[in-house]
Amino acid sequence: MNATERIVEQYFRLHHHCLTVSDLKIPSAEGRQIDLLVIKPSTEPGKPATYLHVEVSVTSTTHNPKLDKALPRHFDHKFFGGPPLRRERVSKNTPDILRQLKSTYELYGAEWASVQRVWCLWKYNSAGVAKLQTDLAAAHAEVSADKFRVLSFRDEVMPKLAGALGTSHHEDELVRLASLYETKAQEEKKLALKLAKQQAQAANKKFTPPVPEDPTASPFNFILP
């Protein structure tokens, strides 16, 4: 499990209050594994838990990436047992990875059609998500469009994890480091606000504090039931 996968795992645990299984091996599937199986228990009697199969592919970049035509093939490879991008077709000697993946879901009580397939990347153009979902649902008719989701590491995971950290002394080194950086950021915001107020008073101007951003208004807001 690499650093970004650990951070995404802590995001689901601390922000969404989920249970997680990491690096879940898929038996007899050419060494394939699930980065994260996320389980959101239901608080309503009789309502089933929400399951998410999360794959993390985070590379920081300075440009605005598009959800291009290669991404459906990534989904097909990771979530439906398709061939990797370097191969066009599944060879006749390739094991039935789709069947093994379904069996792995069932071991944890997840129904195939209800699992949310989540691809986490650094950032993306939110305008392309609807088309991606439609194309994937057309290619995999047994899974509805809303079960295909994209998660932004930069715009959703990091800020929401930072907001969930508080001042607790976390045992995970990465989470502890993120907590310290968040404490530093909050102190800098308070200092900047104090200086802006002093400057306004010195200039005999009315000081108007900035309006806090509404995190739920973000197009990258990732909602779970």
Protein backbone atom coordinates (compact mmCIF):
# COMPACT_ATOMS: atom_id res chain seq x y z
CA MET A 1 0.00 0.00 0.00
CA ASN A 2 1.59 3.26 -1.11
CA ALA A 3 1.35 6.70 0.51
CA THR A 4 -1.54 8.04 -1.58
CA GLU A 5 -3.59 4.88 -1.02
CA ARG A 6 -3.05 5.23 2.74
CA ILE A 7 -4.21 8.84 2.62
CA VAL A 8 -7.33 7.89 0.64
CA GLU A 9 -8.01 5.12 3.15
CA GLN A 10 -7.81 7.58 6.05
CA TYR A 11 -10.10 9.97 4.16
CA PHE A 12 -12.80 7.31 4.03
CA ARG A 13 -12.21 6.28 7.64
CA LEU A 14 -12.04 9.70 9.28
CA HIS A 15 -14.28 11.81 7.03
CA HIS A 16 -16.90 9.28 5.95
CA HIS A 17 -16.60 6.96 9.00
CA CYS A 18 -16.17 3.85 6.88
CA LEU A 19 -14.55 0.49 7.39
CA THR A 20 -11.80 -0.41 4.93
CA VAL A 21 -9.93 -3.44 3.62
CA SER A 22 -6.71 -2.55 1.80
CA ASP A 23 -4.67 -4.45 -0.80
CA LEU A 24 -7.35 -7.13 -1.06
CA LYS A 25 -6.00 -9.99 -3.17
CA ILE A 26 -8.29 -11.47 -5.84
CA PRO A 27 -7.68 -15.25 -5.85
CA SER A 28 -6.43 -16.86 -9.07
CA ALA A 29 -6.44 -13.53 -10.93
CA GLU A 30 -2.88 -13.03 -12.19
CA GLY A 31 -1.85 -11.25 -8.99
CA ARG A 32 -4.56 -8.61 -9.22
CA GLN A 33 -5.84 -6.91 -6.11
CA ILE A 34 -8.31 -4.27 -4.96
CA ASP A 35 -6.64 -1.11 -3.66
CA LEU A 36 -9.44 -0.42 -1.20
CA LEU A 37 -12.74 -2.09 -0.40
CA VAL A 38 -14.71 0.52 1.54
CA ILE A 39 -17.77 -0.34 3.62
CA LYS A 40 -20.12 2.36 4.89
CA PRO A 41 -22.37 0.77 7.54
CA SER A 42 -25.99 1.83 7.50
CA THR A 43 -27.48 3.60 10.50
CA GLU A 44 -31.01 2.72 9.39
CA PRO A 45 -32.49 -0.66 10.43
CA GLY A 46 -32.97 -2.96 7.47
CA LYS A 47 -30.93 -0.82 5.07
CA PRO A 48 -27.84 -2.52 3.64
CA ALA A 49 -24.32 -1.12 3.91
CA THR A 50 -22.80 0.83 1.04
CA TYR A 51 -19.81 -0.83 -0.66
CA LEU A 52 -17.15 0.93 -2.70
CA HIS A 53 -14.31 -0.57 -4.70
CA VAL A 54 -11.71 2.21 -4.84
CA GLU A 55 -8.69 2.29 -7.14
CA VAL A 56 -6.10 5.01 -6.57
CA SER A 57 -4.01 6.41 -9.43
CA VAL A 58 -2.60 9.74 -8.28
CA THR A 59 0.04 11.67 -10.19
CA SER A 60 0.29 15.40 -9.54
CA THR A 61 0.23 17.47 -12.71
CA THR A 62 0.12 21.13 -13.64
CA HIS A 63 -2.37 20.79 -16.48
CA ASN A 64 -6.11 20.18 -16.29
CA PRO A 65 -6.54 16.53 -17.31
CA LYS A 66 -9.53 15.40 -19.29
CA LEU A 67 -11.56 12.32 -18.56
CA ASP A 68 -10.43 10.96 -21.91
CA LYS A 69 -11.34 7.79 -23.76
CA ALA A 70 -8.58 5.82 -22.01
CA LEU A 71 -10.32 6.03 -18.62
CA PRO A 72 -13.17 3.64 -19.53
CA ARG A 73 -10.52 1.04 -20.35
CA HIS A 74 -8.94 1.60 -16.94
CA PHE A 75 -12.37 1.02 -15.38
CA ASP A 76 -12.83 -2.11 -17.48
CA HIS A 77 -9.44 -3.46 -16.41
CA LYS A 78 -9.74 -2.71 -12.69
CA PHE A 79 -13.45 -3.27 -12.09
CA PHE A 80 -14.47 -5.86 -14.69
CA GLY A 81 -11.39 -8.01 -15.24
CA GLY A 82 -10.56 -6.62 -18.67
CA PRO A 83 -7.06 -6.65 -20.15
CA PRO A 84 -4.55 -3.95 -19.19
CA LEU A 85 -4.10 -1.07 -21.62
CA ARG A 86 -0.97 -2.65 -23.08
CA ARG A 87 -3.06 -5.59 -24.31
CA GLU A 88 -6.07 -5.26 -26.58
CA ARG A 89 -7.71 -8.58 -25.74
CA VAL A 90 -7.83 -11.21 -23.05
CA SER A 91 -5.88 -14.29 -24.15
CA LYS A 92 -7.53 -17.72 -24.06
CA ASN A 93 -5.23 -18.74 -21.18
CA THR A 94 -6.25 -15.79 -19.00
CA PRO A 95 -8.23 -16.84 -15.90
CA ASP A 96 -11.82 -15.70 -15.49
CA ILE A 97 -10.93 -12.61 -13.47
CA LEU A 98 -14.47 -11.22 -13.59
CA ARG A 99 -15.82 -14.32 -11.86
CA GLN A 100 -13.07 -14.16 -9.24
CA LEU A 101 -13.78 -10.47 -8.63
CA LYS A 102 -17.48 -11.18 -8.13
CA SER A 103 -16.62 -13.95 -5.67
CA THR A 104 -14.35 -11.57 -3.75
CA TYR A 105 -17.18 -9.05 -3.44
CA GLU A 106 -19.52 -11.79 -2.21
CA LEU A 107 -17.07 -12.84 0.51
CA TYR A 108 -17.59 -9.41 2.09
CA GLY A 109 -21.36 -9.35 1.58
CA ALA A 110 -21.38 -7.02 -1.43
CA GLU A 111 -23.80 -7.47 -4.33
CA TRP A 112 -22.19 -7.06 -7.74
CA ALA A 113 -24.58 -4.46 -9.15
CA SER A 114 -24.66 -2.34 -5.99
CA VAL A 115 -20.91 -1.78 -5.57
CA GLN A 116 -19.74 1.74 -6.36
CA ARG A 117 -16.66 1.73 -8.61
CA VAL A 118 -14.48 4.71 -7.69
CA TRP A 119 -11.40 5.92 -9.55
CA CYS A 120 -9.29 8.37 -7.52
CA LEU A 121 -6.92 10.67 -9.39
CA TRP A 122 -5.15 13.95 -8.65
CA LYS A 123 -7.72 16.22 -10.32
CA TYR A 124 -10.16 16.14 -13.21
CA ASN A 125 -12.61 18.19 -15.22
CA SER A 126 -15.94 17.65 -13.47
CA ALA A 127 -17.85 18.50 -16.66
CA GLY A 128 -16.86 15.17 -18.20
CA VAL A 129 -18.15 12.89 -15.44
CA ALA A 130 -21.70 12.49 -16.72
CA LYS A 131 -20.55 11.29 -20.15
CA LEU A 132 -18.05 8.92 -18.56
CA GLN A 133 -20.79 7.41 -16.41
CA THR A 134 -23.13 7.04 -19.39
CA ASP A 135 -20.45 5.37 -21.53
CA LEU A 136 -19.49 2.95 -18.76
CA ALA A 137 -23.11 2.02 -18.04
CA ALA A 138 -23.65 1.36 -21.75
CA ALA A 139 -20.63 -0.95 -21.80
CA HIS A 140 -21.62 -2.72 -18.56
CA ALA A 141 -25.40 -2.91 -18.58
CA GLU A 142 -25.64 -4.80 -15.28
CA VAL A 143 -24.26 -1.76 -13.39
CA SER A 144 -26.13 1.57 -13.35
CA ALA A 145 -24.42 4.84 -14.28
CA ASP A 146 -24.48 6.22 -10.73
CA LYS A 147 -22.26 3.33 -9.57
CA PHE A 148 -19.33 4.73 -11.55
CA ARG A 149 -17.64 7.60 -9.73
CA VAL A 150 -14.49 9.73 -9.86
CA LEU A 151 -12.75 11.11 -6.78
CA SER A 152 -10.34 14.07 -6.77
CA PHE A 153 -7.35 13.62 -4.47
CA ARG A 154 -6.48 17.33 -4.62
CA ASP A 155 -9.94 18.90 -4.43
CA GLU A 156 -11.80 16.42 -2.21
CA VAL A 157 -9.57 13.93 -0.37
CA MET A 158 -6.94 16.31 1.00
CA PRO A 159 -9.19 19.18 2.16
CA LYS A 160 -11.85 16.88 3.66
CA LEU A 161 -9.24 14.76 5.42
CA ALA A 162 -7.62 17.92 6.80
CA GLY A 163 -10.99 19.07 8.11
CA ALA A 164 -11.55 15.72 9.85
CA LEU A 165 -8.18 15.56 11.59
CA GLY A 166 -8.60 18.05 14.43
CA THR A 167 -5.76 18.04 16.97
CA SER A 168 -5.72 14.34 17.80
CA HIS A 169 -2.36 12.57 17.98
CA HIS A 170 -2.84 10.08 15.15
CA GLU A 171 -0.73 6.94 15.11
CA ASP A 172 -0.47 6.82 11.32
CA GLU A 173 2.63 8.82 10.36
CA LEU A 174 1.12 10.23 7.18
CA VAL A 175 -2.05 11.33 8.97
CA ARG A 176 0.01 12.85 11.76
CA LEU A 177 2.05 14.79 9.20
CA ALA A 178 -1.13 15.98 7.49
CA SER A 179 -2.49 17.03 10.89
CA LEU A 180 0.60 19.13 11.58
CA TYR A 181 0.36 20.81 8.19
CA GLU A 182 -3.32 21.55 8.78
CA THR A 183 -2.49 23.08 12.17
CA LYS A 184 0.14 25.24 10.47
CA ALA A 185 -2.35 26.31 7.78
CA GLN A 186 -4.97 27.28 10.37
CA GLU A 187 -2.44 29.33 12.33
CA GLU A 188 -1.39 31.14 9.15
CA LYS A 189 -5.04 31.92 8.32
CA LYS A 190 -5.58 33.39 11.79
CA LEU A 191 -2.42 35.50 11.48
CA ALA A 192 -3.41 36.76 8.03
CA LEU A 193 -6.88 37.66 9.32
CA LYS A 194 -5.38 39.51 12.29
CA LEU A 195 -3.01 41.49 10.05
CA ALA A 196 -5.80 42.37 7.61
CA LYS A 197 -7.91 43.64 10.52
CA GLN A 198 -5.04 45.75 11.87
CA GLN A 199 -4.38 47.23 8.42
CA ALA A 200 -8.04 48.14 8.03
CA GLN A 201 -8.09 49.83 11.44
CA ALA A 202 -4.89 51.74 10.64
CA ALA A 203 -6.49 53.03 7.44
CA ASN A 204 -9.77 53.87 9.23
CA LYS A 205 -11.61 51.39 7.05
CA LYS A 206 -14.31 48.93 7.98
CA PHE A 207 -13.00 45.40 8.19
CA THR A 208 -15.15 42.70 6.62
CA PRO A 209 -13.99 39.14 7.32
CA PRO A 210 -14.03 36.75 4.35
CA VAL A 211 -17.04 34.47 3.98
CA PRO A 212 -16.04 30.83 4.65
CA GLU A 213 -16.29 28.56 1.65
CA ASP A 214 -19.11 26.03 1.62
CA PRO A 215 -17.41 22.65 1.05
CA THR A 216 -20.69 21.07 -0.05
CA ALA A 217 -20.93 23.53 -2.95
CA SER A 218 -17.82 22.09 -4.62
CA PRO A 219 -18.40 20.14 -7.85
CA PHE A 220 -15.94 17.60 -6.46
CA ASN A 221 -17.97 16.96 -3.30
CA PHE A 222 -18.10 13.18 -2.74
CA ILE A 223 -21.31 12.19 -0.95
CA LEU A 224 -22.06 8.88 0.73
CA PRO A 225 -25.41 7.88 2.28
